[in-house]
């Protein structure tokens, strides 16, 4: 009887020693499976993307075509849109495309702009029943960017003017400062942002921008490639974070 008990204990200990590594492999496999389901392997899928773009169409039809194409790509991936809330120009094109495609649209507008033409647009759209998605008003431009960033998993800049560039550069600066770790992309339609990208490179060469910070911005000349690159960038970031957690544990 004593022999049998010792034998049973011995058998249980050996069984545990075999099952523990197996359990670890199963857990790691489950974790990898979850990452694949969410992020497509080494990719990181987005639930929502904030798009900065012009309230004008620009002088080239390619700008409008790019806005429409980006909107369609967001719909294909079931990605919601966060944007500046305007209903004209590239803003209007992409917001209507995403909304008509069945995805959520959130427009964020500072009250400082309401007394101008934006107020007229909102009143007209409200009366005509053509409002695009949800429109949220905030106190000022700073709160606008904060609200847009809070509701988005990534940022993309289409061609636009001063406002578009200011919003884009603030997201880049926030990333450099560690305020957010979300991908920032430039849809460089017909080389619109070539000079800005060259300025970033110049900043690195002249010692004002760290080499690591030069990797913040992802750029491509079409929406498909840009979103793919940004997904891969986010996927790589998540893998690094997972690796760090495992090492700490």
Protein backbone atom coordinates (compact mmCIF):
# COMPACT_ATOMS: atom_id res chain seq x y z
CA UNK A 1 0.00 0.00 0.00
CA UNK A 2 2.79 2.37 0.87
CA UNK A 3 4.60 1.34 -2.28
CA UNK A 4 1.52 2.04 -4.37
CA UNK A 5 1.09 5.51 -2.79
CA UNK A 6 4.70 6.39 -3.49
CA UNK A 7 4.34 5.10 -6.99
CA UNK A 8 1.20 7.15 -7.53
CA UNK A 9 2.95 10.27 -6.26
CA UNK A 10 5.89 9.59 -8.51
CA UNK A 11 3.54 9.09 -11.45
CA UNK A 12 1.69 12.34 -10.69
CA UNK A 13 4.92 14.34 -10.42
CA UNK A 14 6.10 13.03 -13.77
CA UNK A 15 2.72 13.73 -15.31
CA UNK A 16 2.83 17.35 -14.04
CA UNK A 17 6.34 17.79 -15.39
CA UNK A 18 5.05 16.74 -18.79
CA UNK A 19 1.85 18.77 -18.69
CA UNK A 20 3.34 22.09 -17.55
CA UNK A 21 5.39 22.68 -20.73
CA UNK A 22 2.41 21.49 -22.76
CA UNK A 23 0.16 23.95 -20.94
CA UNK A 24 2.61 26.75 -21.65
CA UNK A 25 2.60 25.88 -25.35
CA UNK A 26 -1.19 25.81 -25.40
CA UNK A 27 -1.43 29.24 -23.73
CA UNK A 28 1.14 30.70 -26.11
CA UNK A 29 -0.76 29.20 -29.02
CA UNK A 30 -4.03 30.69 -27.78
CA UNK A 31 -2.37 34.09 -27.40
CA UNK A 32 -0.93 33.90 -30.90
CA UNK A 33 -4.32 32.82 -32.23
CA UNK A 34 -5.95 35.84 -30.60
CA UNK A 35 -3.32 38.13 -32.09
CA UNK A 36 -3.93 36.60 -35.53
CA UNK A 37 -7.67 37.05 -35.17
CA UNK A 38 -7.31 40.66 -34.16
CA UNK A 39 -4.31 41.69 -36.16
CA UNK A 40 -3.90 39.26 -39.05
CA UNK A 41 -0.60 37.72 -37.92
CA UNK A 42 1.93 40.48 -37.50
CA UNK A 43 -0.58 43.17 -38.44
CA UNK A 44 -2.52 45.47 -36.16
CA UNK A 45 -6.06 46.15 -37.29
CA UNK A 46 -7.71 49.49 -36.55
CA UNK A 47 -11.23 50.09 -35.31
CA UNK A 48 -11.12 53.79 -36.23
CA UNK A 49 -8.80 56.15 -38.10
CA UNK A 50 -8.66 59.91 -37.86
CA UNK A 51 -8.25 61.56 -41.25
CA UNK A 52 -6.94 65.11 -41.63
CA UNK A 53 -7.76 66.68 -44.98
CA UNK A 54 -8.72 69.84 -46.79
CA UNK A 55 -12.11 71.55 -46.81
CA UNK A 56 -11.40 72.20 -50.50
CA UNK A 57 -11.06 69.79 -53.39
CA UNK A 58 -7.74 71.16 -54.63
CA UNK A 59 -6.79 71.75 -58.25
CA UNK A 60 -6.28 68.11 -59.22
CA UNK A 61 -8.95 65.46 -59.64
CA UNK A 62 -6.48 62.96 -58.16
CA UNK A 63 -6.97 64.55 -54.72
CA UNK A 64 -10.71 63.87 -54.77
CA UNK A 65 -10.14 60.40 -56.19
CA UNK A 66 -7.71 59.64 -53.34
CA UNK A 67 -10.24 60.78 -50.72
CA UNK A 68 -12.93 58.57 -52.25
CA UNK A 69 -10.54 55.63 -52.49
CA UNK A 70 -9.42 56.01 -48.87
CA UNK A 71 -13.06 56.12 -47.79
CA UNK A 72 -13.77 52.89 -49.69
CA UNK A 73 -10.74 51.18 -48.16
CA UNK A 74 -11.94 52.12 -44.67
CA UNK A 75 -15.37 50.67 -45.45
CA UNK A 76 -13.84 47.45 -46.82
CA UNK A 77 -11.97 47.00 -43.53
CA UNK A 78 -14.96 48.14 -41.43
CA UNK A 79 -12.92 51.00 -39.99
CA UNK A 80 -14.81 53.98 -38.53
CA UNK A 81 -13.85 57.55 -39.44
CA UNK A 82 -12.93 60.44 -37.16
CA UNK A 83 -12.43 63.78 -38.93
CA UNK A 84 -12.77 67.54 -38.69
CA UNK A 85 -16.52 67.65 -39.23
CA UNK A 86 -16.69 69.68 -42.45
CA UNK A 87 -19.12 68.72 -45.21
CA UNK A 88 -17.27 70.24 -48.16
CA UNK A 89 -14.06 69.51 -50.05
CA UNK A 90 -12.13 66.32 -49.33
CA UNK A 91 -13.74 66.24 -45.87
CA UNK A 92 -17.16 65.90 -47.41
CA UNK A 93 -16.08 63.25 -49.90
CA UNK A 94 -14.48 60.87 -47.42
CA UNK A 95 -17.07 61.32 -44.68
CA UNK A 96 -19.98 60.63 -47.03
CA UNK A 97 -18.22 57.62 -48.54
CA UNK A 98 -17.56 56.06 -45.14
CA UNK A 99 -21.03 56.88 -43.82
CA UNK A 100 -22.80 55.55 -46.91
CA UNK A 101 -20.69 52.41 -46.59
CA UNK A 102 -22.20 51.66 -43.20
CA UNK A 103 -19.34 52.68 -40.90
CA UNK A 104 -19.53 55.21 -38.08
CA UNK A 105 -18.43 58.79 -38.72
CA UNK A 106 -17.50 61.25 -35.97
CA UNK A 107 -16.89 64.88 -36.87
CA UNK A 108 -15.28 67.15 -34.27
CA UNK A 109 -15.75 70.93 -34.64
CA UNK A 110 -14.57 73.68 -32.27
CA UNK A 111 -17.20 76.26 -31.30
CA UNK A 112 -14.76 78.98 -32.37
CA UNK A 113 -15.54 78.04 -35.98
CA UNK A 114 -19.30 77.92 -35.57
CA UNK A 115 -20.00 81.64 -36.12
CA UNK A 116 -18.33 81.42 -39.56
CA UNK A 117 -19.27 79.44 -42.66
CA UNK A 118 -19.09 76.18 -40.72
CA UNK A 119 -22.13 77.23 -38.69
CA UNK A 120 -24.00 77.90 -41.91
CA UNK A 121 -23.01 74.47 -43.20
CA UNK A 122 -24.21 72.76 -40.03
CA UNK A 123 -27.53 74.65 -40.02
CA UNK A 124 -28.09 73.91 -43.70
CA UNK A 125 -27.24 70.24 -43.31
CA UNK A 126 -29.45 69.94 -40.24
CA UNK A 127 -32.44 71.51 -42.02
CA UNK A 128 -31.95 69.50 -45.20
CA UNK A 129 -31.50 66.25 -43.26
CA UNK A 130 -28.07 65.60 -44.79
CA UNK A 131 -25.91 65.52 -41.67
CA UNK A 132 -23.04 63.05 -41.97
CA UNK A 133 -22.70 60.84 -38.91
CA UNK A 134 -22.20 62.26 -35.45
CA UNK A 135 -21.03 65.86 -35.03
CA UNK A 136 -19.41 66.81 -31.73
CA UNK A 137 -18.57 70.40 -30.78
CA UNK A 138 -15.63 71.23 -28.52
CA UNK A 139 -14.28 74.44 -26.99
CA UNK A 140 -11.25 75.09 -29.19
CA UNK A 141 -8.72 73.70 -31.65
CA UNK A 142 -6.62 72.10 -28.92
CA UNK A 143 -9.59 70.18 -27.55
CA UNK A 144 -10.56 69.24 -31.09
CA UNK A 145 -7.25 67.47 -31.69
CA UNK A 146 -7.38 65.85 -28.27
CA UNK A 147 -10.89 64.54 -28.92
CA UNK A 148 -9.99 63.29 -32.37
CA UNK A 149 -6.89 61.53 -31.02
CA UNK A 150 -8.88 59.96 -28.18
CA UNK A 151 -11.36 58.40 -30.57
CA UNK A 152 -8.88 57.09 -33.17
CA UNK A 153 -6.41 54.21 -33.37
CA UNK A 154 -4.31 55.88 -36.08
CA UNK A 155 -3.98 59.07 -38.15
CA UNK A 156 -3.84 59.72 -41.88
CA UNK A 157 -3.26 63.04 -43.65
CA UNK A 158 -4.70 63.58 -47.11
CA UNK A 159 -3.71 66.72 -49.03
CA UNK A 160 -4.84 69.90 -47.29
CA UNK A 161 -3.83 73.37 -46.20
CA UNK A 162 -2.40 74.92 -43.04
CA UNK A 163 -4.99 73.31 -40.77
CA UNK A 164 -4.33 69.82 -42.13
CA UNK A 165 -0.58 70.21 -41.78
CA UNK A 166 -0.87 71.66 -38.27
CA UNK A 167 -2.99 68.71 -37.14
CA UNK A 168 -0.62 66.23 -38.76
CA UNK A 169 2.49 67.77 -37.21
CA UNK A 170 0.94 67.88 -33.75
CA UNK A 171 0.22 64.15 -33.91
CA UNK A 172 3.82 63.58 -35.00
CA UNK A 173 5.09 65.70 -32.10
CA UNK A 174 2.83 63.89 -29.62
CA UNK A 175 4.22 60.58 -30.84
CA UNK A 176 7.79 61.82 -30.38
CA UNK A 177 6.95 62.92 -26.84
CA UNK A 178 5.32 59.59 -26.02
CA UNK A 179 1.85 61.08 -25.57
CA UNK A 180 0.49 58.44 -27.95
CA UNK A 181 1.90 55.40 -29.72
CA UNK A 182 -0.47 55.35 -32.68
CA UNK A 183 0.68 55.16 -36.33
CA UNK A 184 0.76 58.41 -38.29
CA UNK A 185 0.40 58.15 -42.05
CA UNK A 186 0.68 60.50 -45.01
CA UNK A 187 -1.24 59.75 -48.19
CA UNK A 188 1.22 61.39 -50.56
CA UNK A 189 -1.07 61.90 -53.56
CA UNK A 190 0.87 62.95 -56.67
CA UNK A 191 3.84 63.89 -54.46
CA UNK A 192 1.86 66.55 -52.59
CA UNK A 193 3.87 65.99 -49.41
CA UNK A 194 7.27 65.44 -51.04
CA UNK A 195 8.65 68.73 -49.75
CA UNK A 196 7.39 68.10 -46.21
CA UNK A 197 8.95 64.63 -46.17
CA UNK A 198 12.18 66.16 -47.48
CA UNK A 199 12.05 68.69 -44.62
CA UNK A 200 11.74 65.84 -42.11
CA UNK A 201 14.83 64.26 -43.64
CA UNK A 202 16.64 67.60 -43.50
CA UNK A 203 15.78 67.87 -39.80
CA UNK A 204 17.47 64.53 -39.17
CA UNK A 205 20.54 65.49 -41.20
CA UNK A 206 20.91 68.78 -39.34
CA UNK A 207 20.53 67.18 -35.92
CA UNK A 208 17.10 68.51 -34.94
CA UNK A 209 15.24 65.22 -35.30
CA UNK A 210 16.44 61.93 -33.81
CA UNK A 211 16.86 59.00 -36.18
CA UNK A 212 14.29 57.04 -34.18
CA UNK A 213 11.76 59.87 -34.50
CA UNK A 214 12.25 59.93 -38.27
CA UNK A 215 10.40 56.60 -38.37
CA UNK A 216 7.20 58.03 -36.87
CA UNK A 217 5.60 58.95 -40.19
CA UNK A 218 4.55 56.25 -42.66
CA UNK A 219 3.91 57.38 -46.22
CA UNK A 220 2.56 55.90 -49.44
CA UNK A 221 1.02 57.20 -52.64
CA UNK A 222 -2.14 55.09 -52.41
CA UNK A 223 -4.56 54.15 -49.64
CA UNK A 224 -4.13 50.37 -49.87
CA UNK A 225 -0.35 50.48 -49.38
CA UNK A 226 -0.59 53.12 -46.66
CA UNK A 227 -3.08 51.24 -44.50
CA UNK A 228 -1.12 48.01 -44.96
CA UNK A 229 2.11 49.69 -43.84
CA UNK A 230 0.38 51.23 -40.84
CA UNK A 231 -1.17 47.89 -39.87
CA UNK A 232 2.25 46.27 -40.03
CA UNK A 233 3.77 49.08 -37.96
CA UNK A 234 1.12 48.63 -35.28
CA UNK A 235 1.51 44.86 -35.40
CA UNK A 236 5.26 45.16 -34.84
CA UNK A 237 4.64 47.50 -31.90
CA UNK A 238 2.19 45.08 -30.28
CA UNK A 239 4.63 42.20 -30.71
CA UNK A 240 7.39 44.20 -29.01
CA UNK A 241 5.07 45.06 -26.13
CA UNK A 242 4.04 41.41 -25.76
CA UNK A 243 7.69 40.34 -25.76
CA UNK A 244 8.50 42.88 -23.03
CA UNK A 245 5.61 41.64 -20.88
CA UNK A 246 6.82 38.05 -21.17
CA UNK A 247 10.34 39.03 -20.17
CA UNK A 248 9.08 40.92 -17.11
CA UNK A 249 6.93 37.97 -16.05
